[in-house]
Amino acid sequence: MAVGYGRASPACPGAPSRRSARRALLEKQGRQPAGGSLPVILGTIVIDLNPNLLQIGPVLVTWHGVFSLLGILAAARIGQLLLRDYGVPADRIYDMAVWMVIAGLIGARLLFVWENYQLFVGAWQRIFLLNEGGISQWGGIFGALLGGYLWCRRNGVDYRQVLDAAGPANALGFAVGRIGDIINGEHHGTPSNLPWAVDYVNPNTLGEPGKSVHPEVAYELLWNLLVFGVAMVTYRTFKRRLPPGVTGLIWLAVYAAGRFFLSYLRTDSLVFGLRQAQWASLAMIAVSVVVSGIWMLRRTPEKVESEAAPVG
C-alpha cells in the first residue's frame, strides 16, 4: 500500500458542492462540463477524477500510490521473465526488487529535497513526511540502480545482466506509474489549446483548475510504452551480440533523450537555461554512451558469448 497526496474537503450543509461550483464555472466559460469520472469534450479534456482513493485511519491511499505499486510489480515480473535467460531464480529477483524499491524511494526523496530545499528550511522533519508527496523520478532511477548494484555484489550476480533486463522492465513500470500521475494532475504542463489539452477540476487535484495544459505525463506514458517495445526488441535481438549491460544502457540513453525533450513542456524552474530534469537527462546520456563504449572496446566476441551464458 502506498501513501500519497490528498486534502480533506469537508462538505458544508446547505452549500453547493465544490464540484457543482466548478461545473457552473465551466458552463459560464462556455465549456461543456462532463459527468461521471472521466469527462471528455472537444477542445479540452476535463478531468474530474479524485486523486484520493480511500482513507484507512491516518493513511490516505491514492491512485498515484496504487499505480506506483502496480508499476513496481509489472517491472519485477518483466525482470523475472528476462533474467530467467541468465539462470537467475525468481525468488532472488523479488529479493533484489525490494532492495531496488527501497533505494529508489530514498533516492527519489533525497533528490527532490535537494532540488526544493527551500521548502524544508526550518522544517527539516518534513523530509520524512512522504504522505505530503514530493519525489524525483531521476532520483528514483539513480537510487534503484545503486540498490540493484549493491544487491548483485552481495549475491554474486553479474550486475550488467540485471541492467539489461532493467531496460524493458523499468520502461513498462514507468508507463503504468504514469497513469497515477495523469489522475492526480501532477507535473503541470505548459498552456495549450490543442484538442487533447487537459483541465483538472476536481477539488483535490494537484493540477491547476481553469487552465488548459499539455498532458505532459500522458506523453511520457506513450513514450515509455514505445521505449518498452524498442527495449524488448533490442534485448531479444542483441543480448547475445553485445556485452552484458550495453542493451540496458541503450534503454537508459533513449529514455533520457525522450525525457529531455518532453521536459520542455513542463513548468519546472530553469537552471542555466534548462530544467533540472534536462540536466539529469544529459548526464545519463553521456554516462550511457561512455560506459557502453568502454564495455564494447573491452569485450571480444568470444567473451560476449561466455558472459551472456546462463549463470550456475
C-alpha atoms as a PDB file:
ATOM      1  CA  MET A   1       0.000   0.000   0.000  1.00  0.00           C
ATOM      2  CA  ALA A   2       1.350   3.404  -0.870  1.00  0.00           C
ATOM      3  CA  VAL A   3       0.863   6.671   0.912  1.00  0.00           C
ATOM      4  CA  GLY A   4       0.181   9.583  -1.397  1.00  0.00           C
ATOM      5  CA  TYR A   5      -1.212  13.030  -1.690  1.00  0.00           C
ATOM      6  CA  GLY A   6      -4.528  14.384  -0.585  1.00  0.00           C
ATOM      7  CA  ARG A   7      -6.514  17.073   1.138  1.00  0.00           C
ATOM      8  CA  ALA A   8      -9.738  16.727   3.047  1.00  0.00           C
ATOM      9  CA  SER A   9     -12.699  18.548   1.552  1.00  0.00           C
ATOM     10  CA  PRO A  10     -15.486  18.609   4.132  1.00  0.00           C
ATOM     11  CA  ALA A  11     -18.955  19.329   2.934  1.00  0.00           C
ATOM     12  CA  CYS A  12     -20.913  22.296   4.193  1.00  0.00           C
ATOM     13  CA  PRO A  13     -24.625  21.504   4.682  1.00  0.00           C
ATOM     14  CA  GLY A  14     -26.836  23.641   2.533  1.00  0.00           C
ATOM     15  CA  ALA A  15     -23.996  25.000   0.434  1.00  0.00           C
ATOM     16  CA  PRO A  16     -23.267  23.996  -3.167  1.00  0.00           C
ATOM     17  CA  SER A  17     -20.503  21.432  -3.518  1.00  0.00           C
ATOM     18  CA  ARG A  18     -17.163  22.409  -4.976  1.00  0.00           C
ATOM     19  CA  ARG A  19     -17.859  20.136  -7.906  1.00  0.00           C
ATOM     20  CA  SER A  20     -21.132  21.967  -8.586  1.00  0.00           C
ATOM     21  CA  ALA A  21     -19.371  25.305  -8.313  1.00  0.00           C
ATOM     22  CA  ARG A  22     -16.688  24.255 -10.773  1.00  0.00           C
ATOM     23  CA  ARG A  23     -19.331  22.852 -13.101  1.00  0.00           C
ATOM     24  CA  ALA A  24     -21.134  26.196 -13.038  1.00  0.00           C
ATOM     25  CA  LEU A  25     -17.857  27.990 -13.728  1.00  0.00           C
ATOM     26  CA  LEU A  26     -17.171  25.816 -16.761  1.00  0.00           C
ATOM     27  CA  GLU A  27     -20.660  26.481 -18.112  1.00  0.00           C
ATOM     28  CA  LYS A  28     -20.177  30.216 -17.615  1.00  0.00           C
ATOM     29  CA  GLN A  29     -16.939  29.995 -19.604  1.00  0.00           C
ATOM     30  CA  GLY A  30     -18.805  28.276 -22.420  1.00  0.00           C
ATOM     31  CA  ARG A  31     -17.187  24.919 -21.796  1.00  0.00           C
ATOM     32  CA  GLN A  32     -19.076  21.665 -21.501  1.00  0.00           C
ATOM     33  CA  PRO A  33     -18.590  20.016 -18.116  1.00  0.00           C
ATOM     34  CA  ALA A  34     -18.863  16.282 -18.163  1.00  0.00           C
ATOM     35  CA  GLY A  35     -20.486  13.957 -15.750  1.00  0.00           C
ATOM     36  CA  GLY A  36     -19.028  10.827 -14.351  1.00  0.00           C
ATOM     37  CA  SER A  37     -15.409  10.218 -13.645  1.00  0.00           C
ATOM     38  CA  LEU A  38     -13.597  10.896 -16.908  1.00  0.00           C
ATOM     39  CA  PRO A  39     -15.340  13.601 -18.922  1.00  0.00           C
ATOM     40  CA  VAL A  40     -14.031  14.289 -22.408  1.00  0.00           C
ATOM     41  CA  ILE A  41     -15.159  17.147 -24.643  1.00  0.00           C
ATOM     42  CA  LEU A  42     -13.942  18.587 -27.912  1.00  0.00           C
ATOM     43  CA  GLY A  43     -11.337  21.282 -27.411  1.00  0.00           C
ATOM     44  CA  THR A  44     -10.431  20.357 -23.845  1.00  0.00           C
ATOM     45  CA  ILE A  45     -10.368  17.150 -21.852  1.00  0.00           C
ATOM     46  CA  VAL A  46     -11.865  17.963 -18.465  1.00  0.00           C
ATOM     47  CA  ILE A  47     -10.590  15.574 -15.800  1.00  0.00           C
ATOM     48  CA  ASP A  48     -12.781  15.398 -12.714  1.00  0.00           C
ATOM     49  CA  LEU A  49     -11.115  12.421 -11.057  1.00  0.00           C
ATOM     50  CA  ASN A  50     -10.459  12.472  -7.331  1.00  0.00           C
ATOM     51  CA  PRO A  51      -6.790  11.502  -6.834  1.00  0.00           C
ATOM     52  CA  ASN A  52      -7.656  10.113  -3.387  1.00  0.00           C
ATOM     53  CA  LEU A  53      -8.954   6.537  -3.438  1.00  0.00           C
ATOM     54  CA  LEU A  54      -9.772   5.926   0.225  1.00  0.00           C
ATOM     55  CA  GLN A  55      -8.731   6.740   3.785  1.00  0.00           C
ATOM     56  CA  ILE A  56      -7.668   3.994   6.207  1.00  0.00           C
ATOM     57  CA  GLY A  57      -7.137   5.598   9.590  1.00  0.00           C
ATOM     58  CA  PRO A  58      -4.313   8.118   9.194  1.00  0.00           C
ATOM     59  CA  VAL A  59      -3.232   6.593   5.876  1.00  0.00           C
ATOM     60  CA  LEU A  60      -4.515   8.169   2.674  1.00  0.00           C
ATOM     61  CA  VAL A  61      -4.481   5.743  -0.250  1.00  0.00           C
ATOM     62  CA  THR A  62      -4.215   7.487  -3.605  1.00  0.00           C
ATOM     63  CA  TRP A  63      -4.452   6.417  -7.218  1.00  0.00           C
ATOM     64  CA  HIS A  64      -0.873   7.631  -7.579  1.00  0.00           C
ATOM     65  CA  GLY A  65       0.235   5.174  -4.916  1.00  0.00           C
ATOM     66  CA  VAL A  66      -1.822   2.325  -6.354  1.00  0.00           C
ATOM     67  CA  PHE A  67      -0.415   2.694  -9.853  1.00  0.00           C
ATOM     68  CA  SER A  68       3.098   3.172  -8.493  1.00  0.00           C
ATOM     69  CA  LEU A  69       2.736  -0.192  -6.761  1.00  0.00           C
ATOM     70  CA  LEU A  70       1.314  -1.791  -9.908  1.00  0.00           C
ATOM     71  CA  GLY A  71       4.225  -0.353 -11.889  1.00  0.00           C
ATOM     72  CA  ILE A  72       6.716  -1.886  -9.459  1.00  0.00           C
ATOM     73  CA  LEU A  73       5.006  -5.275  -9.717  1.00  0.00           C
ATOM     74  CA  ALA A  74       4.923  -5.081 -13.520  1.00  0.00           C
ATOM     75  CA  ALA A  75       8.623  -4.204 -13.651  1.00  0.00           C
ATOM     76  CA  ALA A  76       9.505  -7.042 -11.269  1.00  0.00           C
ATOM     77  CA  ARG A  77       7.529  -9.524 -13.364  1.00  0.00           C
ATOM     78  CA  ILE A  78       9.200  -8.478 -16.631  1.00  0.00           C
ATOM     79  CA  GLY A  79      12.591  -8.591 -14.925  1.00  0.00           C
ATOM     80  CA  GLN A  80      11.841 -12.092 -13.661  1.00  0.00           C
ATOM     81  CA  LEU A  81      10.938 -13.332 -17.139  1.00  0.00           C
ATOM     82  CA  LEU A  82      14.012 -11.819 -18.780  1.00  0.00           C
ATOM     83  CA  LEU A  83      16.525 -12.862 -16.126  1.00  0.00           C
ATOM     84  CA  ARG A  84      15.452 -16.483 -16.489  1.00  0.00           C
ATOM     85  CA  ASP A  85      17.652 -16.458 -19.594  1.00  0.00           C
ATOM     86  CA  TYR A  86      20.624 -15.871 -17.299  1.00  0.00           C
ATOM     87  CA  GLY A  87      19.548 -18.540 -14.831  1.00  0.00           C
ATOM     88  CA  VAL A  88      18.644 -16.146 -12.010  1.00  0.00           C
ATOM     89  CA  PRO A  89      15.983 -17.792  -9.750  1.00  0.00           C
ATOM     90  CA  ALA A  90      12.638 -15.997  -9.474  1.00  0.00           C
ATOM     91  CA  ASP A  91      12.757 -15.687  -5.688  1.00  0.00           C
ATOM     92  CA  ARG A  92      16.101 -13.884  -5.865  1.00  0.00           C
ATOM     93  CA  ILE A  93      14.689 -11.426  -8.373  1.00  0.00           C
ATOM     94  CA  TYR A  94      11.936 -10.340  -5.997  1.00  0.00           C
ATOM     95  CA  ASP A  95      14.502 -10.073  -3.214  1.00  0.00           C
ATOM     96  CA  MET A  96      16.522  -7.766  -5.447  1.00  0.00           C
ATOM     97  CA  ALA A  97      13.384  -5.800  -6.308  1.00  0.00           C
ATOM     98  CA  VAL A  98      12.886  -4.990  -2.623  1.00  0.00           C
ATOM     99  CA  TRP A  99      16.397  -3.541  -2.437  1.00  0.00           C
ATOM    100  CA  MET A 100      15.829  -1.500  -5.589  1.00  0.00           C
ATOM    101  CA  VAL A 101      12.446  -0.169  -4.461  1.00  0.00           C
ATOM    102  CA  ILE A 102      13.724   0.942  -1.057  1.00  0.00           C
ATOM    103  CA  ALA A 103      16.860   2.513  -2.525  1.00  0.00           C
ATOM    104  CA  GLY A 104      14.757   4.091  -5.274  1.00  0.00           C
ATOM    105  CA  LEU A 105      12.373   5.710  -2.793  1.00  0.00           C
ATOM    106  CA  ILE A 106      15.286   7.083  -0.780  1.00  0.00           C
ATOM    107  CA  GLY A 107      16.974   8.439  -3.892  1.00  0.00           C
ATOM    108  CA  ALA A 108      13.741   9.920  -5.233  1.00  0.00           C
ATOM    109  CA  ARG A 109      13.049  11.745  -1.983  1.00  0.00           C
ATOM    110  CA  LEU A 110      16.618  12.958  -1.450  1.00  0.00           C
ATOM    111  CA  LEU A 111      16.895  14.453  -4.932  1.00  0.00           C
ATOM    112  CA  PHE A 112      13.515  16.166  -4.556  1.00  0.00           C
ATOM    113  CA  VAL A 113      14.630  17.664  -1.235  1.00  0.00           C
ATOM    114  CA  TRP A 114      17.889  18.821  -2.795  1.00  0.00           C
ATOM    115  CA  GLU A 115      16.069  20.413  -5.745  1.00  0.00           C
ATOM    116  CA  ASN A 116      13.470  22.074  -3.470  1.00  0.00           C
ATOM    117  CA  TYR A 117      15.482  22.696  -0.305  1.00  0.00           C
ATOM    118  CA  GLN A 118      13.688  25.999   0.287  1.00  0.00           C
ATOM    119  CA  LEU A 119      10.536  24.042   1.144  1.00  0.00           C
ATOM    120  CA  PHE A 120      12.279  22.382   4.069  1.00  0.00           C
ATOM    121  CA  VAL A 121      14.258  25.249   5.583  1.00  0.00           C
ATOM    122  CA  GLY A 122      13.267  25.485   9.239  1.00  0.00           C
ATOM    123  CA  ALA A 123      11.163  22.319   8.972  1.00  0.00           C
ATOM    124  CA  TRP A 124      13.593  19.526   8.169  1.00  0.00           C
ATOM    125  CA  GLN A 125      11.329  16.944   9.798  1.00  0.00           C
ATOM    126  CA  ARG A 126       9.070  17.280   6.753  1.00  0.00           C
ATOM    127  CA  ILE A 127      11.701  15.427   4.751  1.00  0.00           C
ATOM    128  CA  PHE A 128      10.294  12.206   6.193  1.00  0.00           C
ATOM    129  CA  LEU A 129       6.639  13.062   5.511  1.00  0.00           C
ATOM    130  CA  LEU A 130       6.259  11.173   2.259  1.00  0.00           C
ATOM    131  CA  ASN A 131       2.481  11.413   2.557  1.00  0.00           C
ATOM    132  CA  GLU A 132       2.864  15.083   1.603  1.00  0.00           C
ATOM    133  CA  GLY A 133       4.282  13.991  -1.725  1.00  0.00           C
ATOM    134  CA  GLY A 134       7.447  15.112  -3.436  1.00  0.00           C
ATOM    135  CA  ILE A 135       9.714  12.676  -5.260  1.00  0.00           C
ATOM    136  CA  SER A 136      12.064  12.920  -8.234  1.00  0.00           C
ATOM    137  CA  GLN A 137      11.977  10.219 -10.882  1.00  0.00           C
ATOM    138  CA  TRP A 138      15.639  10.639 -11.762  1.00  0.00           C
ATOM    139  CA  GLY A 139      16.495  10.311  -8.084  1.00  0.00           C
ATOM    140  CA  GLY A 140      14.452   7.130  -8.041  1.00  0.00           C
ATOM    141  CA  ILE A 141      16.339   5.771 -11.047  1.00  0.00           C
ATOM    142  CA  PHE A 142      19.733   6.585  -9.512  1.00  0.00           C
ATOM    143  CA  GLY A 143      18.724   5.030  -6.202  1.00  0.00           C
ATOM    144  CA  ALA A 144      17.247   1.896  -7.772  1.00  0.00           C
ATOM    145  CA  LEU A 145      20.341   1.313  -9.910  1.00  0.00           C
ATOM    146  CA  LEU A 146      22.561   1.703  -6.855  1.00  0.00           C
ATOM    147  CA  GLY A 147      20.360  -0.633  -4.813  1.00  0.00           C
ATOM    148  CA  GLY A 148      20.450  -3.230  -7.577  1.00  0.00           C
ATOM    149  CA  TYR A 149      24.227  -2.941  -7.851  1.00  0.00           C
ATOM    150  CA  LEU A 150      24.712  -3.458  -4.109  1.00  0.00           C
ATOM    151  CA  TRP A 151      22.387  -6.474  -4.144  1.00  0.00           C
ATOM    152  CA  CYS A 152      24.283  -8.021  -7.054  1.00  0.00           C
ATOM    153  CA  ARG A 153      27.627  -7.525  -5.317  1.00  0.00           C
ATOM    154  CA  ARG A 154      26.230  -9.125  -2.184  1.00  0.00           C
ATOM    155  CA  ASN A 155      24.761 -12.127  -4.011  1.00  0.00           C
ATOM    156  CA  GLY A 156      27.378 -12.760  -6.695  1.00  0.00           C
ATOM    157  CA  VAL A 157      25.161 -11.840  -9.654  1.00  0.00           C
ATOM    158  CA  ASP A 158      26.542 -10.012 -12.705  1.00  0.00           C
ATOM    159  CA  TYR A 159      25.087  -6.514 -12.417  1.00  0.00           C
ATOM    160  CA  ARG A 160      25.345  -5.953 -16.159  1.00  0.00           C
ATOM    161  CA  GLN A 161      22.911  -8.786 -16.839  1.00  0.00           C
ATOM    162  CA  VAL A 162      20.454  -7.213 -14.423  1.00  0.00           C
ATOM    163  CA  LEU A 163      20.939  -3.867 -16.165  1.00  0.00           C
ATOM    164  CA  ASP A 164      19.953  -5.445 -19.486  1.00  0.00           C
ATOM    165  CA  ALA A 165      16.710  -6.771 -18.027  1.00  0.00           C
ATOM    166  CA  ALA A 166      16.057  -3.492 -16.215  1.00  0.00           C
ATOM    167  CA  GLY A 167      15.574  -1.646 -19.509  1.00  0.00           C
ATOM    168  CA  PRO A 168      12.286  -3.209 -20.643  1.00  0.00           C
ATOM    169  CA  ALA A 169      11.164  -3.789 -17.053  1.00  0.00           C
ATOM    170  CA  ASN A 170      11.533  -0.171 -15.973  1.00  0.00           C
ATOM    171  CA  ALA A 171      10.033   1.184 -19.190  1.00  0.00           C
ATOM    172  CA  LEU A 172       6.819  -0.758 -18.578  1.00  0.00           C
ATOM    173  CA  GLY A 173       6.842   0.064 -14.869  1.00  0.00           C
ATOM    174  CA  PHE A 174       7.203   3.776 -15.586  1.00  0.00           C
ATOM    175  CA  ALA A 175       4.329   3.636 -18.084  1.00  0.00           C
ATOM    176  CA  VAL A 176       1.998   2.046 -15.533  1.00  0.00           C
ATOM    177  CA  GLY A 177       3.049   4.501 -12.834  1.00  0.00           C
ATOM    178  CA  ARG A 178       2.304   7.474 -15.070  1.00  0.00           C
ATOM    179  CA  ILE A 179      -1.391   6.553 -15.044  1.00  0.00           C
ATOM    180  CA  GLY A 180      -1.463   7.672 -11.419  1.00  0.00           C
ATOM    181  CA  ASP A 181       0.181  10.970 -12.364  1.00  0.00           C
ATOM    182  CA  ILE A 182      -2.479  11.541 -15.014  1.00  0.00           C
ATOM    183  CA  ILE A 183      -5.225  11.047 -12.440  1.00  0.00           C
ATOM    184  CA  ASN A 184      -3.812  13.342  -9.771  1.00  0.00           C
ATOM    185  CA  GLY A 185      -2.737  16.158 -12.102  1.00  0.00           C
ATOM    186  CA  GLU A 186       0.899  16.117 -11.064  1.00  0.00           C
ATOM    187  CA  HIS A 187       3.701  17.578 -13.222  1.00  0.00           C
ATOM    188  CA  HIS A 188       1.978  20.567 -14.754  1.00  0.00           C
ATOM    189  CA  GLY A 189       2.320  21.035 -18.485  1.00  0.00           C
ATOM    190  CA  THR A 190       2.578  24.320 -20.349  1.00  0.00           C
ATOM    191  CA  PRO A 191      -0.621  26.030 -21.594  1.00  0.00           C
ATOM    192  CA  SER A 192      -2.166  24.514 -24.700  1.00  0.00           C
ATOM    193  CA  ASN A 193      -5.248  24.954 -26.884  1.00  0.00           C
ATOM    194  CA  LEU A 194      -4.840  21.639 -28.666  1.00  0.00           C
ATOM    195  CA  PRO A 195      -7.864  19.302 -28.798  1.00  0.00           C
ATOM    196  CA  TRP A 196      -6.233  16.959 -26.282  1.00  0.00           C
ATOM    197  CA  ALA A 197      -5.291  19.660 -23.769  1.00  0.00           C
ATOM    198  CA  VAL A 198      -6.447  18.830 -20.243  1.00  0.00           C
ATOM    199  CA  ASP A 199      -8.041  20.800 -17.420  1.00  0.00           C
ATOM    200  CA  TYR A 200      -8.205  19.365 -13.902  1.00  0.00           C
ATOM    201  CA  VAL A 201     -11.304  20.459 -11.997  1.00  0.00           C
ATOM    202  CA  ASN A 202     -11.547  18.122  -9.015  1.00  0.00           C
ATOM    203  CA  PRO A 203     -11.199  19.932  -5.645  1.00  0.00           C
ATOM    204  CA  ASN A 204      -8.410  17.567  -4.586  1.00  0.00           C
ATOM    205  CA  THR A 205      -6.419  17.749  -7.792  1.00  0.00           C
ATOM    206  CA  LEU A 206      -2.748  18.642  -7.861  1.00  0.00           C
ATOM    207  CA  GLY A 207      -3.372  20.304 -11.207  1.00  0.00           C
ATOM    208  CA  GLU A 208      -4.232  23.938 -11.847  1.00  0.00           C
ATOM    209  CA  PRO A 209      -8.023  24.230 -12.307  1.00  0.00           C
ATOM    210  CA  GLY A 210      -9.157  26.561 -15.054  1.00  0.00           C
ATOM    211  CA  LYS A 211      -6.025  26.108 -17.161  1.00  0.00           C
ATOM    212  CA  SER A 212      -5.864  24.014 -20.318  1.00  0.00           C
ATOM    213  CA  VAL A 213      -2.403  22.479 -20.436  1.00  0.00           C
ATOM    214  CA  HIS A 214      -0.408  19.859 -22.274  1.00  0.00           C
ATOM    215  CA  PRO A 215      -0.942  16.376 -20.781  1.00  0.00           C
ATOM    216  CA  GLU A 216       2.825  16.023 -20.395  1.00  0.00           C
ATOM    217  CA  VAL A 217       2.642  12.893 -18.261  1.00  0.00           C
ATOM    218  CA  ALA A 218       0.395  11.257 -20.867  1.00  0.00           C
ATOM    219  CA  TYR A 219       3.101  11.959 -23.446  1.00  0.00           C
ATOM    220  CA  GLU A 220       5.583  10.309 -21.084  1.00  0.00           C
ATOM    221  CA  LEU A 221       3.307   7.292 -20.734  1.00  0.00           C
ATOM    222  CA  LEU A 222       3.198   6.862 -24.514  1.00  0.00           C
ATOM    223  CA  TRP A 223       6.951   7.412 -24.757  1.00  0.00           C
ATOM    224  CA  ASN A 224       7.582   4.745 -22.124  1.00  0.00           C
ATOM    225  CA  LEU A 225       5.376   2.261 -23.961  1.00  0.00           C
ATOM    226  CA  LEU A 226       7.320   2.943 -27.160  1.00  0.00           C
ATOM    227  CA  VAL A 227      10.625   2.588 -25.322  1.00  0.00           C
ATOM    228  CA  PHE A 228       9.372  -0.657 -23.759  1.00  0.00           C
ATOM    229  CA  GLY A 229       8.755  -2.121 -27.208  1.00  0.00           C
ATOM    230  CA  VAL A 230      12.126  -0.943 -28.518  1.00  0.00           C
ATOM    231  CA  ALA A 231      13.911  -2.206 -25.399  1.00  0.00           C
ATOM    232  CA  MET A 232      12.309  -5.653 -25.706  1.00  0.00           C
ATOM    233  CA  VAL A 233      13.331  -5.944 -29.355  1.00  0.00           C
ATOM    234  CA  THR A 234      16.841  -4.721 -28.557  1.00  0.00           C
ATOM    235  CA  TYR A 235      17.166  -7.153 -25.665  1.00  0.00           C
ATOM    236  CA  ARG A 236      15.988 -10.162 -27.668  1.00  0.00           C
ATOM    237  CA  THR A 237      17.995  -9.247 -30.774  1.00  0.00           C
ATOM    238  CA  PHE A 238      21.317  -8.058 -29.373  1.00  0.00           C
ATOM    239  CA  LYS A 239      21.585  -9.773 -25.986  1.00  0.00           C
ATOM    240  CA  ARG A 240      23.979 -12.390 -27.378  1.00  0.00           C
ATOM    241  CA  ARG A 241      25.782  -9.985 -29.703  1.00  0.00           C
ATOM    242  CA  LEU A 242      26.613  -7.159 -27.312  1.00  0.00           C
ATOM    243  CA  PRO A 243      28.455  -7.227 -23.989  1.00  0.00           C
ATOM    244  CA  PRO A 244      26.163  -7.597 -20.962  1.00  0.00           C
ATOM    245  CA  GLY A 245      24.836  -4.248 -19.802  1.00  0.00           C
ATOM    246  CA  VAL A 246      25.015  -2.461 -23.148  1.00  0.00           C
ATOM    247  CA  THR A 247      21.376  -3.032 -24.103  1.00  0.00           C
ATOM    248  CA  GLY A 248      20.390  -1.719 -20.669  1.00  0.00           C
ATOM    249  CA  LEU A 249      22.453   1.417 -21.232  1.00  0.00           C
ATOM    250  CA  ILE A 250      20.830   1.846 -24.643  1.00  0.00           C
ATOM    251  CA  TRP A 251      17.454   1.898 -22.898  1.00  0.00           C
ATOM    252  CA  LEU A 252      18.716   4.448 -20.384  1.00  0.00           C
ATOM    253  CA  ALA A 253      20.035   6.759 -23.110  1.00  0.00           C
ATOM    254  CA  VAL A 254      16.879   6.527 -25.237  1.00  0.00           C
ATOM    255  CA  TYR A 255      14.633   7.101 -22.226  1.00  0.00           C
ATOM    256  CA  ALA A 256      16.743  10.080 -21.137  1.00  0.00           C
ATOM    257  CA  ALA A 257      16.544  11.597 -24.623  1.00  0.00           C
ATOM    258  CA  GLY A 258      12.760  11.456 -24.507  1.00  0.00           C
ATOM    259  CA  ARG A 259      12.658  12.978 -21.026  1.00  0.00           C
ATOM    260  CA  PHE A 260      14.940  15.776 -22.195  1.00  0.00           C
ATOM    261  CA  PHE A 261      12.600  16.924 -24.964  1.00  0.00           C
ATOM    262  CA  LEU A 262       9.360  16.313 -23.060  1.00  0.00           C
ATOM    263  CA  SER A 263      10.652  18.443 -20.187  1.00  0.00           C
ATOM    264  CA  TYR A 264      10.262  21.495 -22.432  1.00  0.00           C
ATOM    265  CA  LEU A 265       6.517  21.048 -21.874  1.00  0.00           C
ATOM    266  CA  ARG A 266       6.856  21.276 -18.092  1.00  0.00           C
ATOM    267  CA  THR A 267       6.732  24.379 -15.937  1.00  0.00           C
ATOM    268  CA  ASP A 268       9.677  23.491 -13.691  1.00  0.00           C
ATOM    269  CA  SER A 269      12.180  26.239 -12.919  1.00  0.00           C
ATOM    270  CA  LEU A 270      15.229  26.727 -15.138  1.00  0.00           C
ATOM    271  CA  VAL A 271      18.855  26.219 -14.135  1.00  0.00           C
ATOM    272  CA  PHE A 272      21.336  27.723 -16.616  1.00  0.00           C
ATOM    273  CA  GLY A 273      18.693  27.709 -19.327  1.00  0.00           C
ATOM    274  CA  LEU A 274      17.481  24.138 -18.839  1.00  0.00           C
ATOM    275  CA  ARG A 275      15.255  22.356 -16.383  1.00  0.00           C
ATOM    276  CA  GLN A 276      16.876  20.190 -13.732  1.00  0.00           C
ATOM    277  CA  ALA A 277      15.412  17.040 -15.277  1.00  0.00           C
ATOM    278  CA  GLN A 278      17.032  18.001 -18.583  1.00  0.00           C
ATOM    279  CA  TRP A 279      20.460  18.331 -16.992  1.00  0.00           C
ATOM    280  CA  ALA A 280      19.975  14.919 -15.406  1.00  0.00           C
ATOM    281  CA  SER A 281      18.932  13.503 -18.787  1.00  0.00           C
ATOM    282  CA  LEU A 282      22.041  14.875 -20.484  1.00  0.00           C
ATOM    283  CA  ALA A 283      24.214  13.414 -17.735  1.00  0.00           C
ATOM    284  CA  MET A 284      22.638   9.984 -18.131  1.00  0.00           C
ATOM    285  CA  ILE A 285      23.017  10.071 -21.919  1.00  0.00           C
ATOM    286  CA  ALA A 286      26.700  10.943 -21.561  1.00  0.00           C
ATOM    287  CA  VAL A 287      27.320   8.240 -18.957  1.00  0.00           C
ATOM    288  CA  SER A 288      25.464   5.625 -21.011  1.00  0.00           C
ATOM    289  CA  VAL A 289      27.419   6.406 -24.183  1.00  0.00           C
ATOM    290  CA  VAL A 290      30.815   6.475 -22.452  1.00  0.00           C
ATOM    291  CA  VAL A 291      30.295   3.304 -20.408  1.00  0.00           C
ATOM    292  CA  SER A 292      28.825   1.445 -23.401  1.00  0.00           C
ATOM    293  CA  GLY A 293      31.855   2.424 -25.465  1.00  0.00           C
ATOM    294  CA  ILE A 294      34.240   1.190 -22.779  1.00  0.00           C
ATOM    295  CA  TRP A 295      32.439  -2.144 -22.440  1.00  0.00           C
ATOM    296  CA  MET A 296      32.330  -2.589 -26.214  1.00  0.00           C
ATOM    297  CA  LEU A 297      36.074  -1.960 -26.562  1.00  0.00           C
ATOM    298  CA  ARG A 298      36.958  -4.327 -23.729  1.00  0.00           C
ATOM    299  CA  ARG A 299      34.937  -7.284 -24.947  1.00  0.00           C
ATOM    300  CA  THR A 300      35.745  -9.669 -27.779  1.00  0.00           C
ATOM    301  CA  PRO A 301      33.002 -11.729 -29.476  1.00  0.00           C
ATOM    302  CA  GLU A 302      34.179 -14.822 -27.575  1.00  0.00           C
ATOM    303  CA  LYS A 303      33.856 -13.047 -24.242  1.00  0.00           C
ATOM    304  CA  VAL A 304      30.431 -11.726 -25.174  1.00  0.00           C
ATOM    305  CA  GLU A 305      29.152 -15.274 -25.751  1.00  0.00           C
ATOM    306  CA  SER A 306      30.619 -16.551 -22.489  1.00  0.00           C
ATOM    307  CA  GLU A 307      29.269 -13.626 -20.443  1.00  0.00           C
ATOM    308  CA  ALA A 308      25.800 -13.989 -21.957  1.00  0.00           C
ATOM    309  CA  ALA A 309      25.622 -17.634 -20.944  1.00  0.00           C
ATOM    310  CA  PRO A 310      23.306 -18.543 -18.035  1.00  0.00           C
ATOM    311  CA  VAL A 311      24.836 -18.456 -14.590  1.00  0.00           C
ATOM    312  CA  GLY A 312      25.246 -21.577 -12.431  1.00  0.00           C
END
